[in-house]
Amino acid sequence: MKRSIAVVLLLAAACSKQSAPPAGNEVAPGNETAAVQDDAPLNPPAPGQPGGVPDDRTPISEGAIDPKSGQGAGQVLQSYFALVESGRFAEADKLWSKGVERLDLTGYREVHGNIGAPGKVEGGAGSLYVEIPVQLYGRLKDGEEFSSRGMMILRRVNDVPGSTEEQRRWHIMNAEFVNAN
């Protein structure tokens, strides 16, 4: 069974002038010339605001999270951005599927990720997939702020005979971001 994953990206106006990474897995520094104070606080748009992640107020379970669920995939993204924020890029890269193009974060001094509510987990060709909205924000190496949002797609192999424990964990498969300006 073939499954195509359509990633719909929303382009919204940001409250302040900021540069952002282009679409695709490559995250490149923006071209804006206005610099900000290096010690100024980062204030990304709030959920539901232009440039922020969707404001999904659907109640979630307060109990243990099933690692096979969409929330389990969301935890993988939280771990990924915690590792990126702490500069542990080699460990962060291990959360990506083998052989896929990863985000290139070399042009950035500081990167943060706000994780939105996972979409519906869908299956195809022996695997499960989930799309999760993400807002990236932070500073370029020159201190300028950036903000971008998009979708990250995670994949895990179904619990089938012959699959390994590693294959049955969520891995980041794709990331596409658009400029929030």
Foldseek 3Di string as FASTA:
>chain_A
DDDDDDWDWDAFAFPDDAAWAAWWQEGDDGDDDDADDLPDDDDQDDAPDQQHPHDDPDDDDPDDDDCLAQVVLLVLVVVLQVCVQVVVNVVSVLQADPPADHYDCVQAPGKGKDKARKDHWDDDDQKIKIKIKIKIWDAGPVRGIAIKITIWMWMAGPPDPPDDPSRRGIGTYTTTIHGSD
